[in-house]
Structures are given as C-alpha cells and as structure tokens.
Amino acid sequence: MWFVGLADVASVPIVPLSRARRLDLSMIGDRLRPITVPVSGRADSVVRMRLVDIDSLDPILATLPECPRIVAPGGGATPLALLDALDRQLGSWKLFCVNAPAGVPAHHGVRLETVFLGPGSRQAQDVHYFPMPMSTAPMLLSTSCPPDLVVLHTTTPRNRVVSMGIEVQLMAAAVEAAKRRGVPVIAQLNPQMPFVRGDGVLPEQAIDVAVEVDQPLVPVAPAILDNALISIGELVASRVGNGSTIQIGIGKIPDAAALGLRRHKDLRIWSGILSDAAMALDRAGALVAGRQMTGSSLLGSLELYAWADENPRVRLLRCEKTNSPSAVAALDGFVSIHTALEVDLFARVNASRFGLKLYSGTAGSTDFQFGAMHSRGGQSLVALHSRHQDSSTIVGRLSGPATYSQPTAGITETGVAELIFADEDEQARRLIDNAAHPDFRQQLRSQARDLGLRCSPAVG
C-alpha cells in the first residue's frame, strides 16, 4: 500500500484509502502533492492500524535496537503520555524532539536531540544540539539521526485518515524515513487534537500501532504586554504595508506586533509557527479574505487549538516548504518579524544564547531572514526591549555566537535603527542613537571606539 499525504489543500475532499490510488489529481490541480512512501508489505497489500493499550507496547519495543532513537513532535503536540509509557519500559534511549516541552523524559539515560531547545530540553541532563535551520533539519533523519521508532500525536480517524494536528514541521519527513527504514510508527490518538489541513493528513494505514489518550494539549498563554512592548509593536506595524506577507511567531514581540497590525488590511501570513497572534489578526479582519494562513506548527492557547480545528483558513505544511528561503523570497513584500536577546554594533543578532549557554537555537530565523532579504520589497526586522534588567540589549560585541546578521532594521521601544545599505560605522551609530536605551549610549560609544568604529552622535 502507498500512502498519499494531502498537502497545500484549500478544500480538498477527504478520500478513503480504498479510493486513494484511483484519485484523479486533475480535479484539484496543484493543490495536492502526493507523497509516495511504501508502507511495509507488498504494494497492493492492505496494512491495518492496530489499536492497543498504552501499556501493551512490548512487541514493538522488542524490535528496537539497544539505545533506540525515537522521533516525536514537540511544542503543544508532544505525546507526553505515550513517551512516558515508552520511557517506563526502555533503559537508555534517544529522543529527537524540536522545542520539547516541560514533562518530556529528561533524566539520566535519556539523550535529547534537537535543532531547537524547548523548556524540556533546557532541563535535560544530556542534550545534543544540531545547529541547523528548519529548512534543512529534516535531512538529519536520513543522515545523522535516523529513527528507530517514530511517535505521532494525531486526531482520531475521520474517514480513514488522521491529522497530525498542530505540528507537522519535520514529522512528515520522519514518517517517510520510518517507512524507508522499515521501522514502526506509533500514534497517540487524541480526540482533543484539532484536525488541521495540509501535509499532516495521513491515511490510518501509515500508522502501525495506535493508542488512545484523551488528554488536553500543552498550551502556551498569550504574553502580557507592557507599554514598551506596545510601542515596539506599533513601530513594527508602521513598517508593514497593507497587502504584505508576514512571518510572525510566538511570544511578546509577535503578540505586540499583532496588536499594532490589527488595523491593517489584506495581510497574508506565511510562517513557521502560527500562534494566537495569527488568530487575533484573522479576527480583526486584517488578513486577506478567503486566503489561508500557512505554517508548519501551531503553538498557543487552547482557544487557538479549538479555532484551528477543521478551519479551512489554516494549513500546516512540512518545514521544508514553509522555511524554504527560495519560497519565502518568491513572496513579494515579505516581512520577517523576529525578536532577539541582543544585537551588537556590527548588526549581528543573538537569538539563541545567554553568553555561551544555549537557550533555544537557530530554528527558522535564518531561513526567514534570508528569504525576506531576497523578497522584492521585503524586510527582515529584529525587535526587542532596549534593556534587560540593568543591562543593554544593544551591545558592543556579542557575548557568544551570532544566530544571524544584517537585518533590515533593529527596533526597540526607543526607535528604529535602519541598518540596510549603511556602512558599519553608520550602522553602529544608528543602533546607538536610535535603538539603544539612553542610559547606555555613552558607554556604547566608548565601546565602539575600542572596536575601531567611528560613530559620533548625529548632529541636529
């Protein structure tokens, strides 16, 4: 049996597997991209998903090698109950999970592998970080990190298909890698998982074994915005024209930007993460009517997850598509909106480390920054508070490695530093005069001189 992944779908009918091989692709044109991955057995065999008790996984586990690698979704889609059940029966094992939430197994004997640390990864005793952008991260599953078991978190079956729900990201590639390697795919079927369209729609035959778990998803509460954040959001919004395509993620800066953008018109969203900010813009009428919001995962409140269920306005694609710099560059007027921990006077951005201590990772920031800079009329914006406690977030030189560099502009509550097309001396001057907190400007000018930068304050 071959399975077909329903991708890029605005209103593609759900087709039972018995008819999938006879589906006339011409009736929906390029809205559906077949994914042809052989399910175990002969091409004409029918492999049924087996439903078992969560504590009856011994036959599957008996097939695994010593210290197996398990690939699972992260964020709000992490199948915590199933991972906990597997952990109780395994000794040492590896968990590949992007943005692992608190509650994932992270004790001695479990090695967490990731391209982006989440709360669970930061608490783990053994973390292996792969510094790769999301556009290429799925390649790890066929090279350095081949799966021995793939664990999904899906809806319960509807018309013989399931949806991966709020996270597709690299899990479509994980299922494909599992089928190529002949290793099992286990799904946690959850009636509380929203059915979301796109590349995460799979026939149930793609799943070898399933367990039923009726459990709320992991939510992330919307940020509380202070006056400084509201000012940042308004400055970001002032740079975005009506009709632009925006990349807007999760956190205080995206929520502030969404607040500032609520009176805009005809915006489009193409992002890695769709959060409550996307839902707020949709409800405010700021988006193009009838157009889908595109991401590779959803992360936010329980209200967001309920809103996404069977919502024809929402589609989740694999991250090779959403994060492709060439795909982003092809979207005119693309505006990438990111936050950061610090920006230095050479316009280098640190969005992943406190000093040398890893906090998050590269994720999609480099993909979207590069794509936005090559979009016709595009912008890469980095926005952040001008200070953190008693320290400036505009610094002379980064305290650790850069996540990326040379955005279009740096934005804080104090103003906008235009960086594009300026020489390094002028970039430093603009960051100090326009983006740095006034309390730190003189200190930064002294640091600039020590770094060989000529950036006297502007006259007048």
Protein backbone atom coordinates (compact mmCIF):
# COMPACT_ATOMS: atom_id res chain seq x y z
CA MET A 1 0.00 0.00 0.00
CA TRP A 2 1.17 3.51 -0.79
CA PHE A 3 0.02 6.43 1.22
CA VAL A 4 -0.94 9.85 -0.07
CA GLY A 5 -0.33 12.96 2.01
CA LEU A 6 -2.86 15.71 1.39
CA ALA A 7 -0.88 18.92 1.13
CA ASP A 8 -1.47 22.56 0.22
CA VAL A 9 -5.17 21.98 0.47
CA ALA A 10 -7.77 24.74 0.46
CA SER A 11 -10.78 22.45 0.14
CA VAL A 12 -9.55 19.02 -0.90
CA PRO A 13 -12.10 16.27 -0.25
CA ILE A 14 -11.11 13.57 2.21
CA VAL A 15 -10.75 10.38 0.21
CA PRO A 16 -10.94 6.91 1.79
CA LEU A 17 -7.80 4.83 1.24
CA SER A 18 -9.72 2.33 -0.86
CA ARG A 19 -10.10 5.08 -3.45
CA ALA A 20 -6.79 6.88 -2.96
CA ARG A 21 -4.96 5.13 -5.78
CA ARG A 22 -7.80 5.99 -8.18
CA LEU A 23 -7.89 9.66 -7.18
CA ASP A 24 -7.94 11.92 -10.23
CA LEU A 25 -5.38 14.59 -9.38
CA SER A 26 -6.61 16.75 -12.23
CA MET A 27 -9.75 17.59 -10.29
CA ILE A 28 -7.75 19.56 -7.73
CA GLY A 29 -4.70 20.54 -9.77
CA ASP A 30 -1.58 21.53 -7.87
CA ARG A 31 -3.40 21.80 -4.55
CA LEU A 32 -2.43 18.22 -3.71
CA ARG A 33 1.11 16.90 -3.68
CA PRO A 34 1.26 13.10 -3.47
CA ILE A 35 3.82 11.69 -1.08
CA THR A 36 4.68 8.18 -2.22
CA VAL A 37 6.19 6.21 0.60
CA PRO A 38 5.76 2.45 0.70
CA VAL A 39 4.06 1.04 3.76
CA SER A 40 5.51 -2.32 4.82
CA GLY A 41 4.49 -5.26 2.71
CA ARG A 42 3.66 -5.61 -0.96
CA ALA A 43 2.49 -2.56 -2.88
CA ASP A 44 -1.02 -4.00 -3.18
CA SER A 45 -1.32 -5.22 0.40
CA VAL A 46 -3.55 -3.56 2.99
CA VAL A 47 -1.89 -2.87 6.33
CA ARG A 48 -4.32 -2.08 9.12
CA MET A 49 -3.54 0.17 12.04
CA ARG A 50 -3.61 -1.88 15.25
CA LEU A 51 -5.14 -0.30 18.34
CA VAL A 52 -3.51 -1.45 21.57
CA ASP A 53 -3.45 -0.49 25.22
CA ILE A 54 -0.76 2.05 26.09
CA ASP A 55 0.83 -0.45 28.49
CA SER A 56 0.94 -3.22 25.86
CA LEU A 57 3.76 -1.99 23.64
CA ASP A 58 6.19 -4.82 24.42
CA PRO A 59 6.02 -6.43 20.93
CA ILE A 60 7.03 -3.11 19.33
CA LEU A 61 9.76 -2.41 21.86
CA ALA A 62 11.20 -5.89 21.40
CA THR A 63 12.08 -4.99 17.80
CA LEU A 64 14.11 -1.91 18.76
CA PRO A 65 17.91 -1.86 18.94
CA GLU A 66 19.84 -1.02 22.05
CA CYS A 67 19.52 2.69 22.91
CA PRO A 68 16.96 3.40 20.16
CA ARG A 69 16.26 6.81 18.69
CA ILE A 70 12.61 7.90 18.95
CA VAL A 71 11.43 10.87 16.90
CA ALA A 72 8.44 12.78 18.27
CA PRO A 73 6.73 16.14 17.71
CA GLY A 74 7.37 18.96 20.15
CA GLY A 75 5.61 22.06 21.42
CA GLY A 76 1.94 21.58 22.19
CA ALA A 77 1.82 18.38 20.13
CA THR A 78 4.25 16.31 22.20
CA PRO A 79 2.61 12.95 23.05
CA LEU A 80 3.63 13.08 26.69
CA ALA A 81 1.54 10.10 27.82
CA LEU A 82 2.95 7.82 25.13
CA LEU A 83 6.54 8.98 25.70
CA ASP A 84 6.12 8.35 29.42
CA ALA A 85 4.85 4.82 28.72
CA LEU A 86 7.80 4.12 26.44
CA ASP A 87 10.23 5.56 28.97
CA ARG A 88 8.95 3.19 31.67
CA GLN A 89 9.92 0.21 29.54
CA LEU A 90 13.18 1.41 27.98
CA GLY A 91 16.61 1.73 29.53
CA SER A 92 18.80 4.17 27.67
CA TRP A 93 17.27 5.85 24.63
CA LYS A 94 17.45 8.96 22.46
CA LEU A 95 14.58 11.40 21.90
CA PHE A 96 14.71 13.64 18.84
CA CYS A 97 12.21 16.42 19.51
CA VAL A 98 12.04 20.06 18.39
CA ASN A 99 11.02 22.51 21.13
CA ALA A 100 10.45 19.80 23.73
CA PRO A 101 8.03 20.98 26.44
CA ALA A 102 8.38 20.51 30.16
CA GLY A 103 7.39 16.97 31.08
CA VAL A 104 9.32 15.04 28.42
CA PRO A 105 11.59 12.33 29.82
CA ALA A 106 14.85 14.13 30.56
CA HIS A 107 16.51 12.04 33.26
CA HIS A 108 19.80 10.17 33.20
CA GLY A 109 19.74 7.62 30.40
CA VAL A 110 17.71 9.77 28.01
CA ARG A 111 19.61 11.79 25.43
CA LEU A 112 17.63 14.66 23.93
CA GLU A 113 18.49 15.62 20.36
CA THR A 114 17.16 18.77 18.76
CA VAL A 115 17.63 21.73 16.45
CA PHE A 116 15.77 23.98 18.89
CA LEU A 117 15.65 23.72 22.67
CA GLY A 118 12.34 23.98 24.48
CA PRO A 119 11.64 24.08 28.23
CA GLY A 120 12.07 20.30 28.50
CA SER A 121 15.41 20.33 26.68
CA ARG A 122 16.78 23.08 28.91
CA GLN A 123 16.13 20.90 31.96
CA ALA A 124 17.64 17.75 30.47
CA GLN A 125 20.88 16.24 31.68
CA ASP A 126 22.09 15.20 28.23
CA VAL A 127 21.29 17.42 25.22
CA HIS A 128 22.79 17.19 21.74
CA TYR A 129 22.11 20.32 19.70
CA PHE A 130 22.34 20.34 15.91
CA PRO A 131 22.85 23.93 14.66
CA MET A 132 20.72 23.68 11.52
CA PRO A 133 17.94 25.85 10.09
CA MET A 134 14.50 24.26 9.96
CA SER A 135 14.52 24.21 6.15
CA THR A 136 17.25 21.57 6.19
CA ALA A 137 16.63 19.93 9.60
CA PRO A 138 14.59 17.02 8.12
CA MET A 139 17.77 15.88 6.35
CA LEU A 140 19.07 14.79 9.77
CA LEU A 141 16.52 11.96 9.75
CA SER A 142 18.19 10.36 6.74
CA THR A 143 21.77 11.08 7.83
CA SER A 144 22.93 11.68 11.41
CA CYS A 145 19.68 10.87 13.24
CA PRO A 146 17.81 8.01 11.54
CA PRO A 147 14.76 6.98 13.56
CA ASP A 148 14.29 3.56 15.13
CA LEU A 149 10.73 4.48 16.09
CA VAL A 150 8.50 7.41 15.11
CA VAL A 151 5.85 8.58 17.54
CA LEU A 152 2.99 10.78 16.35
CA HIS A 153 0.24 12.69 18.13
CA THR A 154 -2.83 12.72 15.92
CA THR A 155 -6.56 13.11 15.78
CA THR A 156 -8.75 10.07 15.98
CA PRO A 157 -9.50 8.72 12.49
CA ARG A 158 -12.04 10.54 10.33
CA ASN A 159 -12.96 8.82 7.06
CA ARG A 160 -9.95 6.54 7.44
CA VAL A 161 -7.46 9.42 7.74
CA VAL A 162 -5.86 11.20 10.68
CA SER A 163 -4.33 14.64 11.04
CA MET A 164 -1.08 15.33 12.84
CA GLY A 165 -2.97 18.31 14.17
CA ILE A 166 -0.97 21.23 15.48
CA GLU A 167 2.52 20.12 14.39
CA VAL A 168 3.70 18.89 11.00
CA GLN A 169 7.14 20.51 10.83
CA LEU A 170 9.61 17.66 10.29
CA MET A 171 7.22 14.85 11.27
CA ALA A 172 6.16 14.21 7.65
CA ALA A 173 9.82 13.57 6.87
CA ALA A 174 10.03 11.37 9.98
CA VAL A 175 7.19 9.13 8.76
CA GLU A 176 8.85 8.87 5.36
CA ALA A 177 12.18 7.97 6.99
CA ALA A 178 10.45 5.30 9.09
CA LYS A 179 8.86 3.70 6.03
CA ARG A 180 12.15 3.70 4.14
CA ARG A 181 13.90 2.05 7.08
CA GLY A 182 11.07 -0.34 7.87
CA VAL A 183 10.74 0.85 11.45
CA PRO A 184 7.43 1.25 13.30
CA VAL A 185 5.20 4.31 13.53
CA ILE A 186 3.10 4.62 16.69
CA ALA A 187 0.38 7.24 17.08
CA GLN A 188 -1.22 8.65 20.19
CA LEU A 189 -4.81 9.16 19.01
CA ASN A 190 -6.35 12.06 20.89
CA PRO A 191 -9.94 13.29 20.40
CA GLN A 192 -8.78 16.69 21.70
CA MET A 193 -6.27 17.13 18.87
CA PRO A 194 -7.69 19.52 16.24
CA PHE A 195 -7.96 18.31 12.66
CA VAL A 196 -5.73 20.67 10.68
CA ARG A 197 -5.37 20.51 6.91
CA GLY A 198 -2.15 20.22 4.96
CA ASP A 199 0.81 17.88 4.90
CA GLY A 200 -0.07 16.31 8.24
CA VAL A 201 -3.11 14.46 6.89
CA LEU A 202 -2.28 10.75 6.65
CA PRO A 203 -4.25 7.58 5.96
CA GLU A 204 -4.53 5.45 9.05
CA GLN A 205 -2.62 2.70 7.19
CA ALA A 206 0.52 4.81 7.56
CA ILE A 207 0.36 4.03 11.29
CA ASP A 208 1.40 0.60 12.54
CA VAL A 209 0.18 0.80 16.13
CA ALA A 210 -2.04 3.33 17.89
CA VAL A 211 -3.02 4.05 21.49
CA GLU A 212 -5.96 6.15 22.58
CA VAL A 213 -5.29 9.01 25.01
CA ASP A 214 -7.93 11.64 25.76
CA GLN A 215 -5.77 14.45 27.11
CA PRO A 216 -5.59 18.26 26.74
CA LEU A 217 -2.80 19.61 24.58
CA VAL A 218 0.08 21.62 26.02
CA PRO A 219 -0.94 25.33 25.87
CA VAL A 220 1.17 28.47 25.89
CA ALA A 221 -0.58 31.52 27.29
CA PRO A 222 -0.51 34.78 25.29
CA ALA A 223 2.00 37.33 26.51
CA ILE A 224 1.13 40.20 28.83
CA LEU A 225 2.13 43.41 27.05
CA ASP A 226 3.64 46.39 28.85
CA ASN A 227 3.87 49.92 27.43
CA ALA A 228 7.32 49.31 25.98
CA LEU A 229 6.11 46.23 24.11
CA ILE A 230 3.09 48.10 22.78
CA SER A 231 5.42 50.83 21.48
CA ILE A 232 7.61 48.20 19.81
CA GLY A 233 4.56 46.64 18.21
CA GLU A 234 3.43 49.98 16.82
CA LEU A 235 6.88 50.67 15.37
CA VAL A 236 6.96 47.23 13.75
CA ALA A 237 3.47 47.75 12.33
CA SER A 238 4.46 51.11 10.89
CA ARG A 239 6.96 49.30 8.64
CA VAL A 240 4.41 46.85 7.24
CA GLY A 241 2.29 47.94 4.31
CA ASN A 242 -1.21 46.72 3.53
CA GLY A 243 -1.06 43.62 1.37
CA SER A 244 2.27 42.41 2.81
CA THR A 245 3.03 38.81 3.68
CA ILE A 246 4.30 38.48 7.23
CA GLN A 247 6.12 35.88 9.26
CA ILE A 248 5.02 36.22 12.86
CA GLY A 249 5.74 33.65 15.54
CA ILE A 250 5.03 33.29 19.24
CA GLY A 251 5.97 35.44 22.21
CA LYS A 252 5.81 39.00 23.43
CA ILE A 253 7.13 40.70 20.29
CA PRO A 254 4.82 38.83 17.85
CA ASP A 255 1.83 39.50 20.12
CA ALA A 256 2.77 43.18 20.30
CA ALA A 257 3.22 43.31 16.52
CA ALA A 258 -0.19 41.70 16.01
CA LEU A 259 -1.75 44.34 18.23
CA GLY A 260 -0.12 47.06 16.14
CA LEU A 261 -1.20 45.41 12.88
CA ARG A 262 -4.86 44.87 13.72
CA ARG A 263 -6.00 47.87 11.61
CA HIS A 264 -4.02 46.79 8.54
CA LYS A 265 -5.75 45.24 5.54
CA ASP A 266 -5.11 42.37 3.14
CA LEU A 267 -2.19 40.89 5.06
CA ARG A 268 -1.07 37.32 4.40
CA ILE A 269 0.67 35.01 6.87
CA TRP A 270 3.43 32.60 5.89
CA SER A 271 5.26 31.45 8.99
CA GLY A 272 6.93 28.61 10.82
CA ILE A 273 4.63 28.89 13.83
CA LEU A 274 1.03 30.06 13.82
CA SER A 275 0.17 31.46 17.24
CA ASP A 276 -2.57 33.45 18.94
CA ALA A 277 -1.17 36.46 17.06
CA ALA A 278 -2.35 34.93 13.76
CA MET A 279 -5.78 34.21 15.22
CA ALA A 280 -6.04 37.79 16.52
CA LEU A 281 -5.21 39.25 13.09
CA ASP A 282 -7.77 36.99 11.44
CA ARG A 283 -10.49 38.03 13.88
CA ALA A 284 -9.56 41.71 13.47
CA GLY A 285 -10.17 41.48 9.72
CA ALA A 286 -6.55 42.36 8.91
CA LEU A 287 -5.99 39.36 6.63
CA VAL A 288 -6.98 38.78 3.03
CA ALA A 289 -10.45 37.27 2.96
CA GLY A 290 -10.54 33.67 1.81
CA ARG A 291 -6.77 33.13 1.88
CA GLN A 292 -5.14 30.51 4.04
CA MET A 293 -2.65 31.14 6.80
CA THR A 294 0.35 28.88 6.27
CA GLY A 295 2.69 27.49 8.92
CA SER A 296 4.33 24.23 9.93
CA SER A 297 3.03 24.17 13.52
CA LEU A 298 0.54 25.81 15.84
CA LEU A 299 1.53 26.85 19.34
CA GLY A 300 -0.51 28.90 21.76
CA SER A 301 -3.65 28.82 23.85
CA LEU A 302 -6.31 26.11 23.99
CA GLU A 303 -8.57 28.65 22.31
CA LEU A 304 -6.16 28.75 19.37
CA TYR A 305 -6.23 24.97 19.06
CA ALA A 306 -10.04 24.91 19.09
CA TRP A 307 -10.13 27.70 16.48
CA ALA A 308 -7.84 25.71 14.17
CA ASP A 309 -9.99 22.56 14.22
CA GLU A 310 -11.41 21.97 10.71
CA ASN A 311 -10.67 25.63 9.94
CA PRO A 312 -10.31 25.98 6.16
CA ARG A 313 -8.28 29.15 6.72
CA VAL A 314 -5.44 27.22 8.37
CA ARG A 315 -2.99 24.83 6.76
CA LEU A 316 0.21 23.31 8.11
CA LEU A 317 2.92 22.23 5.70
CA ARG A 318 6.21 20.46 6.24
CA CYS A 319 9.02 22.79 7.24
CA GLU A 320 10.99 22.09 4.06
CA LYS A 321 8.26 24.13 2.35
CA THR A 322 7.39 26.83 4.87
CA ASN A 323 11.01 27.59 5.72
CA SER A 324 12.46 27.34 2.24
CA PRO A 325 14.33 30.63 1.69
CA SER A 326 13.54 30.47 -2.03
CA ALA A 327 9.82 30.03 -1.33
CA VAL A 328 9.89 32.98 1.07
CA ALA A 329 11.85 35.12 -1.40
CA ALA A 330 9.21 34.45 -4.04
CA LEU A 331 6.59 36.21 -1.90
CA ASP A 332 6.67 39.93 -2.70
CA GLY A 333 6.71 42.34 0.23
CA PHE A 334 7.61 39.64 2.74
CA VAL A 335 8.25 40.95 6.26
CA SER A 336 10.03 38.70 8.74
CA ILE A 337 9.46 39.72 12.39
CA HIS A 338 11.84 38.24 14.93
CA THR A 339 12.96 39.03 18.42
CA ALA A 340 16.44 38.61 19.92
CA LEU A 341 18.38 38.50 23.15
CA GLU A 342 20.93 41.06 21.97
CA VAL A 343 22.17 42.90 18.88
CA ASP A 344 25.73 44.14 18.63
CA LEU A 345 27.20 47.18 16.90
CA PHE A 346 28.20 45.06 13.91
CA ALA A 347 24.48 44.30 13.34
CA ARG A 348 24.93 40.69 14.44
CA VAL A 349 21.91 39.14 16.14
CA ASN A 350 21.95 36.71 19.04
CA ALA A 351 18.59 34.99 19.37
CA SER A 352 19.74 31.71 20.87
CA ARG A 353 22.29 32.00 23.71
CA PHE A 354 22.86 33.66 27.07
CA GLY A 355 26.57 34.16 26.72
CA LEU A 356 27.84 30.71 25.77
CA LYS A 357 24.88 28.88 27.30
CA LEU A 358 22.46 27.65 24.66
CA TYR A 359 18.86 28.73 25.29
CA SER A 360 16.95 27.95 22.07
CA GLY A 361 18.60 27.51 18.66
CA THR A 362 18.69 28.61 15.06
CA ALA A 363 15.26 27.22 14.12
CA GLY A 364 13.63 29.26 11.35
CA SER A 365 15.25 32.63 11.99
CA THR A 366 17.98 32.26 9.36
CA ASP A 367 15.55 30.82 6.80
CA PHE A 368 13.09 33.69 7.06
CA GLN A 369 15.74 36.38 7.44
CA PHE A 370 17.50 35.24 4.27
CA GLY A 371 14.25 34.80 2.35
CA ALA A 372 12.86 38.18 3.42
CA MET A 373 16.03 39.99 2.38
CA HIS A 374 15.66 38.50 -1.11
CA SER A 375 11.93 39.18 -1.42
CA ARG A 376 11.02 42.08 -3.69
CA GLY A 377 10.25 44.87 -1.22
CA GLY A 378 10.92 42.51 1.69
CA GLN A 379 12.26 43.32 5.14
CA SER A 380 13.90 41.40 7.96
CA LEU A 381 13.03 43.11 11.24
CA VAL A 382 14.52 42.30 14.63
CA ALA A 383 12.65 43.79 17.59
CA LEU A 384 13.50 43.69 21.29
CA HIS A 385 13.44 45.68 24.51
CA SER A 386 16.30 48.17 24.70
CA ARG A 387 17.35 46.85 28.11
CA HIS A 388 17.08 43.70 30.17
CA GLN A 389 17.12 44.48 33.88
CA ASP A 390 20.31 46.56 34.34
CA SER A 391 21.92 45.65 31.02
CA SER A 392 21.66 46.99 27.50
CA THR A 393 20.42 44.61 24.80
CA ILE A 394 22.34 46.68 22.26
CA VAL A 395 25.92 45.63 22.98
CA GLY A 396 29.37 46.40 21.64
CA ARG A 397 30.08 42.82 20.69
CA LEU A 398 28.01 39.67 21.15
CA SER A 399 28.84 37.58 24.18
CA GLY A 400 28.55 34.38 22.13
CA PRO A 401 27.94 33.11 18.60
CA ALA A 402 25.62 35.03 16.28
CA THR A 403 22.34 33.50 15.17
CA TYR A 404 22.29 35.66 12.03
CA SER A 405 23.38 39.13 10.96
CA GLN A 406 22.49 42.22 8.94
CA PRO A 407 18.70 42.54 9.28
CA THR A 408 16.91 45.39 7.54
CA ALA A 409 16.30 47.24 10.79
CA GLY A 410 16.61 46.94 14.55
CA ILE A 411 13.62 48.11 16.59
CA THR A 412 13.24 48.86 20.29
CA GLU A 413 10.79 51.00 22.22
CA THR A 414 13.20 53.92 21.77
CA GLY A 415 13.09 53.87 17.97
CA VAL A 416 14.16 52.27 14.70
CA ALA A 417 17.75 51.77 13.53
CA GLU A 418 17.84 51.44 9.76
CA LEU A 419 20.69 49.06 9.03
CA ILE A 420 20.39 48.03 5.41
CA PHE A 421 22.69 49.72 2.88
CA ALA A 422 24.65 51.54 5.63
CA ASP A 423 28.36 51.05 6.24
CA GLU A 424 29.44 49.53 9.54
CA ASP A 425 30.22 52.87 11.17
CA GLU A 426 26.79 54.22 10.28
CA GLN A 427 25.08 51.01 11.39
CA ALA A 428 26.72 51.31 14.80
CA ARG A 429 25.78 54.98 15.11
CA ARG A 430 22.14 54.27 14.25
CA LEU A 431 21.92 51.41 16.71
CA ILE A 432 23.30 53.63 19.48
CA ASP A 433 21.32 56.78 18.66
CA ASN A 434 18.01 55.20 17.67
CA ALA A 435 17.68 51.77 19.31
CA ALA A 436 19.83 51.76 22.47
CA HIS A 437 18.41 52.89 25.78
CA PRO A 438 19.64 56.43 26.61
CA ASP A 439 21.25 55.18 29.82
CA PHE A 440 23.76 53.10 27.83
CA ARG A 441 24.53 55.27 24.81
CA GLN A 442 27.69 56.89 26.10
CA GLN A 443 29.07 53.55 27.21
CA LEU A 444 28.30 52.08 23.78
CA ARG A 445 30.08 54.94 22.01
CA SER A 446 33.17 54.21 24.08
CA GLN A 447 32.93 50.50 23.18
CA ALA A 448 32.51 51.43 19.51
CA ARG A 449 35.76 53.41 19.57
CA ASP A 450 37.55 50.47 21.16
CA LEU A 451 36.21 48.29 18.34
CA GLY A 452 37.51 50.66 15.69
CA LEU A 453 34.09 52.02 14.77
CA ARG A 454 33.62 55.71 14.04
CA CYS A 455 30.15 56.62 15.19
CA SER A 456 29.89 60.07 16.71
CA PRO A 457 26.31 61.06 17.54
CA ALA A 458 24.28 62.61 14.76
CA VAL A 459 24.19 66.41 14.68
CA GLY A 460 20.83 68.18 14.82
